[in-house]
Amino acid sequence: QVQLVESGGGLVQPGGSLRLSCAASGSIRSINVMGWYRQAPGKQRELVASITSGGIAVYADSVKGRFTISRENAKNTVYLQMNRLKPEDTAVYYCNYAARVPYWGQGTQVTVSS
């Protein structure tokens, strides 16, 4: 079992920044992928960004150049630095850990509004 604890969501004005964190604990495998997904009201959950334990990152086209994913393997923690936020980034953001099976965090709300 793997537990994921997210933090860092909130309300921010357009153009602002937020940093999400997700700490994993439990039966962590050395080779894994951690990432962030988001789900807006009435829409499907979508990948925002993911990063392997080796440091290879992928991003959704909609966030390239604005968001940066990083991780600290020693702390089993993944971060999502979100800059130049837009109203369309408003969603519940979910942390994901995947090795043999996927695990999900409880989600954290990000609202971009003036």
N, C-alpha and C. Protein backbone atom coordinates (compact mmCIF):
# COMPACT_ATOMS: atom_id res chain seq x y z
N GLN A 1 0.83 -1.19 0.00
CA GLN A 1 0.00 0.00 0.00
C GLN A 1 0.87 1.25 0.00
N VAL A 2 0.38 2.25 -0.68
CA VAL A 2 1.07 3.55 -0.74
C VAL A 2 0.07 4.64 -0.36
N GLN A 3 0.50 5.55 0.49
CA GLN A 3 -0.34 6.68 0.87
C GLN A 3 0.26 7.95 0.27
N LEU A 4 -0.59 8.81 -0.21
CA LEU A 4 -0.17 10.07 -0.82
C LEU A 4 -0.85 11.22 -0.09
N VAL A 5 -0.06 12.19 0.33
CA VAL A 5 -0.59 13.36 1.01
C VAL A 5 -0.20 14.60 0.22
N GLU A 6 -1.21 15.31 -0.25
CA GLU A 6 -1.01 16.50 -1.08
C GLU A 6 -1.17 17.76 -0.24
N SER A 7 -0.53 18.81 -0.70
CA SER A 7 -0.69 20.12 -0.07
C SER A 7 -0.36 21.20 -1.10
N GLY A 8 -0.82 22.43 -0.82
CA GLY A 8 -0.42 23.57 -1.62
C GLY A 8 -1.47 24.17 -2.51
N GLY A 9 -2.67 23.61 -2.55
CA GLY A 9 -3.71 24.20 -3.38
C GLY A 9 -4.23 25.49 -2.77
N GLY A 10 -5.13 26.16 -3.51
CA GLY A 10 -5.72 27.38 -2.99
C GLY A 10 -6.27 28.26 -4.08
N LEU A 11 -6.55 29.49 -3.70
CA LEU A 11 -7.10 30.48 -4.62
C LEU A 11 -6.00 31.46 -5.02
N VAL A 12 -5.88 31.70 -6.31
CA VAL A 12 -4.85 32.61 -6.81
C VAL A 12 -5.41 33.41 -7.97
N GLN A 13 -4.91 34.60 -8.16
CA GLN A 13 -5.36 35.43 -9.26
C GLN A 13 -4.69 34.99 -10.56
N PRO A 14 -5.33 35.27 -11.69
CA PRO A 14 -4.68 34.96 -12.98
C PRO A 14 -3.31 35.58 -13.07
N GLY A 15 -2.36 34.79 -13.59
CA GLY A 15 -0.99 35.25 -13.66
C GLY A 15 -0.15 34.91 -12.45
N GLY A 16 -0.80 34.43 -11.40
CA GLY A 16 -0.11 34.09 -10.17
C GLY A 16 0.52 32.71 -10.20
N SER A 17 1.08 32.33 -9.06
CA SER A 17 1.79 31.06 -8.95
C SER A 17 1.32 30.28 -7.72
N LEU A 18 1.43 28.98 -7.82
CA LEU A 18 1.20 28.07 -6.71
C LEU A 18 2.18 26.91 -6.83
N ARG A 19 2.48 26.31 -5.69
CA ARG A 19 3.32 25.13 -5.69
C ARG A 19 2.62 24.01 -4.94
N LEU A 20 2.40 22.90 -5.63
CA LEU A 20 1.80 21.72 -5.02
C LEU A 20 2.89 20.74 -4.60
N SER A 21 2.63 20.06 -3.49
CA SER A 21 3.55 19.03 -3.00
C SER A 21 2.76 17.75 -2.76
N CYS A 22 3.43 16.63 -2.93
CA CYS A 22 2.80 15.34 -2.67
C CYS A 22 3.86 14.41 -2.09
N ALA A 23 3.62 13.95 -0.88
CA ALA A 23 4.54 13.05 -0.21
C ALA A 23 3.97 11.65 -0.21
N ALA A 24 4.76 10.70 -0.66
CA ALA A 24 4.35 9.30 -0.68
C ALA A 24 4.99 8.55 0.48
N SER A 25 4.23 7.62 1.03
CA SER A 25 4.76 6.78 2.10
C SER A 25 4.18 5.38 1.95
N GLY A 26 4.82 4.44 2.63
CA GLY A 26 4.36 3.06 2.54
C GLY A 26 5.34 2.21 1.74
N SER A 27 4.80 1.33 0.91
CA SER A 27 5.62 0.39 0.14
C SER A 27 6.08 1.02 -1.17
N ILE A 28 7.09 1.88 -1.04
CA ILE A 28 7.59 2.63 -2.19
C ILE A 28 8.64 1.79 -2.93
N ARG A 29 8.46 1.67 -4.23
CA ARG A 29 9.45 0.99 -5.06
C ARG A 29 10.44 2.00 -5.61
N SER A 30 11.67 1.58 -5.79
CA SER A 30 12.70 2.51 -6.23
C SER A 30 12.44 3.01 -7.66
N ILE A 31 11.82 2.19 -8.47
CA ILE A 31 11.49 2.60 -9.83
C ILE A 31 9.99 2.87 -9.88
N ASN A 32 9.64 4.11 -10.12
CA ASN A 32 8.22 4.47 -10.13
C ASN A 32 8.03 5.75 -10.94
N VAL A 33 6.79 6.07 -11.15
CA VAL A 33 6.43 7.32 -11.80
C VAL A 33 5.48 8.05 -10.87
N MET A 34 5.74 9.32 -10.65
CA MET A 34 4.82 10.16 -9.88
C MET A 34 4.37 11.30 -10.76
N GLY A 35 3.15 11.72 -10.54
CA GLY A 35 2.65 12.78 -11.40
C GLY A 35 1.45 13.48 -10.83
N TRP A 36 0.96 14.42 -11.60
CA TRP A 36 -0.21 15.22 -11.24
C TRP A 36 -1.23 15.13 -12.37
N TYR A 37 -2.46 14.90 -11.96
CA TYR A 37 -3.60 14.93 -12.86
C TYR A 37 -4.54 16.00 -12.34
N ARG A 38 -5.46 16.42 -13.19
CA ARG A 38 -6.47 17.38 -12.73
C ARG A 38 -7.82 17.05 -13.36
N GLN A 39 -8.83 17.47 -12.64
CA GLN A 39 -10.19 17.26 -13.12
C GLN A 39 -11.02 18.50 -12.83
N ALA A 40 -11.48 19.11 -13.90
CA ALA A 40 -12.37 20.27 -13.78
C ALA A 40 -13.81 19.78 -13.80
N PRO A 41 -14.74 20.59 -13.27
CA PRO A 41 -16.15 20.19 -13.25
C PRO A 41 -16.66 19.85 -14.65
N GLY A 42 -17.28 18.68 -14.77
CA GLY A 42 -17.84 18.27 -16.05
C GLY A 42 -16.85 17.75 -17.05
N LYS A 43 -15.59 17.62 -16.64
CA LYS A 43 -14.56 17.15 -17.57
C LYS A 43 -13.89 15.90 -17.02
N GLN A 44 -13.22 15.18 -17.92
CA GLN A 44 -12.50 14.00 -17.50
C GLN A 44 -11.18 14.38 -16.84
N ARG A 45 -10.71 13.48 -16.01
CA ARG A 45 -9.40 13.67 -15.40
C ARG A 45 -8.34 13.59 -16.49
N GLU A 46 -7.38 14.51 -16.41
CA GLU A 46 -6.34 14.55 -17.43
C GLU A 46 -4.96 14.67 -16.80
N LEU A 47 -3.97 14.15 -17.52
CA LEU A 47 -2.60 14.26 -17.05
C LEU A 47 -2.13 15.70 -17.19
N VAL A 48 -1.50 16.20 -16.14
CA VAL A 48 -0.86 17.51 -16.18
C VAL A 48 0.63 17.33 -16.44
N ALA A 49 1.28 16.53 -15.60
CA ALA A 49 2.70 16.28 -15.75
C ALA A 49 3.06 15.05 -14.94
N SER A 50 4.09 14.34 -15.38
CA SER A 50 4.59 13.20 -14.63
C SER A 50 6.11 13.16 -14.74
N ILE A 51 6.71 12.46 -13.78
CA ILE A 51 8.16 12.37 -13.75
C ILE A 51 8.56 11.00 -13.22
N THR A 52 9.52 10.38 -13.89
CA THR A 52 9.98 9.07 -13.45
C THR A 52 10.99 9.23 -12.31
N SER A 53 11.28 8.12 -11.64
CA SER A 53 12.28 8.16 -10.58
C SER A 53 13.65 8.50 -11.14
N GLY A 54 13.83 8.35 -12.45
CA GLY A 54 15.07 8.73 -13.10
C GLY A 54 15.11 10.17 -13.57
N GLY A 55 13.99 10.87 -13.38
CA GLY A 55 13.97 12.29 -13.69
C GLY A 55 13.43 12.68 -15.05
N ILE A 56 12.85 11.74 -15.77
CA ILE A 56 12.29 12.06 -17.08
C ILE A 56 10.87 12.58 -16.89
N ALA A 57 10.62 13.78 -17.40
CA ALA A 57 9.34 14.44 -17.20
C ALA A 57 8.58 14.59 -18.52
N VAL A 58 7.27 14.53 -18.41
CA VAL A 58 6.39 14.82 -19.54
C VAL A 58 5.33 15.80 -19.07
N TYR A 59 4.84 16.61 -20.01
CA TYR A 59 3.86 17.63 -19.69
C TYR A 59 2.72 17.62 -20.70
N ALA A 60 1.55 18.01 -20.23
CA ALA A 60 0.46 18.28 -21.15
C ALA A 60 0.81 19.54 -21.94
N ASP A 61 0.38 19.58 -23.18
CA ASP A 61 0.69 20.75 -24.02
C ASP A 61 0.17 22.04 -23.39
N SER A 62 -0.95 21.96 -22.70
CA SER A 62 -1.58 23.15 -22.15
C SER A 62 -0.77 23.79 -21.03
N VAL A 63 0.19 23.07 -20.45
CA VAL A 63 0.94 23.62 -19.32
C VAL A 63 2.43 23.77 -19.62
N LYS A 64 2.86 23.33 -20.79
CA LYS A 64 4.28 23.44 -21.13
C LYS A 64 4.73 24.89 -21.08
N GLY A 65 5.88 25.11 -20.46
CA GLY A 65 6.42 26.46 -20.34
C GLY A 65 5.89 27.23 -19.15
N ARG A 66 4.86 26.71 -18.49
CA ARG A 66 4.29 27.39 -17.32
C ARG A 66 4.45 26.57 -16.05
N PHE A 67 4.34 25.26 -16.16
CA PHE A 67 4.42 24.37 -15.01
C PHE A 67 5.73 23.59 -15.06
N THR A 68 6.26 23.30 -13.87
CA THR A 68 7.47 22.49 -13.77
C THR A 68 7.26 21.43 -12.71
N ILE A 69 7.50 20.19 -13.09
CA ILE A 69 7.40 19.09 -12.13
C ILE A 69 8.81 18.70 -11.70
N SER A 70 8.96 18.37 -10.43
CA SER A 70 10.25 17.94 -9.90
C SER A 70 9.99 16.95 -8.77
N ARG A 71 11.05 16.30 -8.32
CA ARG A 71 10.88 15.34 -7.24
C ARG A 71 12.16 15.20 -6.44
N GLU A 72 11.96 14.80 -5.19
CA GLU A 72 13.07 14.46 -4.31
C GLU A 72 12.90 13.00 -3.94
N ASN A 73 13.69 12.14 -4.55
CA ASN A 73 13.54 10.70 -4.33
C ASN A 73 13.80 10.32 -2.87
N ALA A 74 14.73 11.00 -2.22
CA ALA A 74 15.04 10.66 -0.83
C ALA A 74 13.85 10.91 0.09
N LYS A 75 12.98 11.84 -0.32
CA LYS A 75 11.79 12.18 0.47
C LYS A 75 10.51 11.59 -0.13
N ASN A 76 10.65 10.88 -1.24
CA ASN A 76 9.47 10.34 -1.95
C ASN A 76 8.42 11.42 -2.17
N THR A 77 8.88 12.56 -2.58
CA THR A 77 8.01 13.73 -2.73
C THR A 77 8.12 14.29 -4.15
N VAL A 78 6.96 14.65 -4.69
CA VAL A 78 6.91 15.28 -6.01
C VAL A 78 6.29 16.66 -5.85
N TYR A 79 6.76 17.58 -6.67
CA TYR A 79 6.29 18.96 -6.62
C TYR A 79 5.78 19.38 -7.99
N LEU A 80 4.86 20.32 -7.97
CA LEU A 80 4.39 20.93 -9.22
C LEU A 80 4.40 22.44 -9.01
N GLN A 81 5.35 23.10 -9.64
CA GLN A 81 5.41 24.55 -9.61
C GLN A 81 4.57 25.07 -10.77
N MET A 82 3.55 25.85 -10.43
CA MET A 82 2.62 26.35 -11.44
C MET A 82 2.75 27.87 -11.51
N ASN A 83 3.20 28.35 -12.64
CA ASN A 83 3.36 29.79 -12.87
C ASN A 83 2.42 30.25 -13.97
N ARG A 84 2.19 31.55 -14.01
CA ARG A 84 1.32 32.17 -15.03
C ARG A 84 0.00 31.42 -15.12
N LEU A 85 -0.60 31.22 -13.98
CA LEU A 85 -1.85 30.46 -13.93
C LEU A 85 -2.98 31.18 -14.66
N LYS A 86 -3.84 30.36 -15.25
CA LYS A 86 -4.97 30.86 -16.02
C LYS A 86 -6.27 30.35 -15.40
N PRO A 87 -7.38 31.01 -15.64
CA PRO A 87 -8.65 30.50 -15.11
C PRO A 87 -8.94 29.06 -15.56
N GLU A 88 -8.51 28.70 -16.73
CA GLU A 88 -8.75 27.33 -17.21
C GLU A 88 -7.91 26.27 -16.51
N ASP A 89 -6.99 26.71 -15.65
CA ASP A 89 -6.24 25.77 -14.82
C ASP A 89 -7.02 25.37 -13.57
N THR A 90 -8.15 26.01 -13.34
CA THR A 90 -8.97 25.70 -12.18
C THR A 90 -9.46 24.26 -12.25
N ALA A 91 -9.17 23.50 -11.19
CA ALA A 91 -9.53 22.09 -11.14
C ALA A 91 -9.12 21.52 -9.80
N VAL A 92 -9.54 20.29 -9.54
CA VAL A 92 -8.99 19.53 -8.44
C VAL A 92 -7.76 18.79 -8.98
N TYR A 93 -6.65 18.97 -8.31
CA TYR A 93 -5.40 18.36 -8.74
C TYR A 93 -5.12 17.13 -7.87
N TYR A 94 -4.83 16.03 -8.54
CA TYR A 94 -4.60 14.76 -7.87
C TYR A 94 -3.17 14.29 -8.09
N CYS A 95 -2.56 13.87 -7.02
CA CYS A 95 -1.24 13.26 -7.10
C CYS A 95 -1.41 11.78 -7.46
N ASN A 96 -0.49 11.29 -8.24
CA ASN A 96 -0.54 9.89 -8.65
C ASN A 96 0.84 9.27 -8.48
N TYR A 97 0.82 8.03 -7.94
CA TYR A 97 2.04 7.23 -7.83
C TYR A 97 1.78 5.92 -8.55
N ALA A 98 2.71 5.53 -9.41
CA ALA A 98 2.52 4.30 -10.16
C ALA A 98 3.80 3.49 -10.19
N ALA A 99 3.69 2.24 -9.76
CA ALA A 99 4.77 1.27 -9.90
C ALA A 99 4.10 0.01 -10.47
N ARG A 100 3.69 -0.89 -9.61
CA ARG A 100 2.93 -2.04 -10.10
C ARG A 100 1.47 -1.67 -10.32
N VAL A 101 0.92 -0.90 -9.39
CA VAL A 101 -0.47 -0.43 -9.49
C VAL A 101 -0.49 1.06 -9.18
N PRO A 102 -1.49 1.76 -9.68
CA PRO A 102 -1.54 3.21 -9.40
C PRO A 102 -2.22 3.51 -8.07
N TYR A 103 -1.77 4.57 -7.44
CA TYR A 103 -2.39 5.10 -6.23
C TYR A 103 -2.67 6.58 -6.46
N TRP A 104 -3.72 7.05 -5.76
CA TRP A 104 -4.15 8.43 -5.92
C TRP A 104 -4.22 9.15 -4.58
N GLY A 105 -3.89 10.43 -4.62
CA GLY A 105 -4.11 11.26 -3.45
C GLY A 105 -5.57 11.67 -3.36
N GLN A 106 -5.89 12.43 -2.32
CA GLN A 106 -7.28 12.82 -2.08
C GLN A 106 -7.69 14.01 -2.93
N GLY A 107 -6.72 14.69 -3.51
CA GLY A 107 -7.01 15.84 -4.36
C GLY A 107 -6.90 17.15 -3.60
N THR A 108 -6.48 18.17 -4.31
CA THR A 108 -6.39 19.51 -3.73
C THR A 108 -6.94 20.51 -4.75
N GLN A 109 -7.77 21.42 -4.27
CA GLN A 109 -8.44 22.36 -5.15
C GLN A 109 -7.51 23.51 -5.52
N VAL A 110 -7.45 23.80 -6.80
CA VAL A 110 -6.75 24.98 -7.31
C VAL A 110 -7.78 25.83 -8.05
N THR A 111 -7.94 27.06 -7.59
CA THR A 111 -8.89 27.98 -8.21
C THR A 111 -8.15 29.22 -8.66
N VAL A 112 -8.29 29.52 -9.94
CA VAL A 112 -7.64 30.70 -10.52
C VAL A 112 -8.75 31.68 -10.91
N SER A 113 -8.84 32.76 -10.16
CA SER A 113 -9.93 33.69 -10.37
C SER A 113 -9.56 35.05 -9.82
N SER A 114 -10.09 36.09 -10.46
CA SER A 114 -9.87 37.43 -9.95
C SER A 114 -11.03 37.84 -9.05
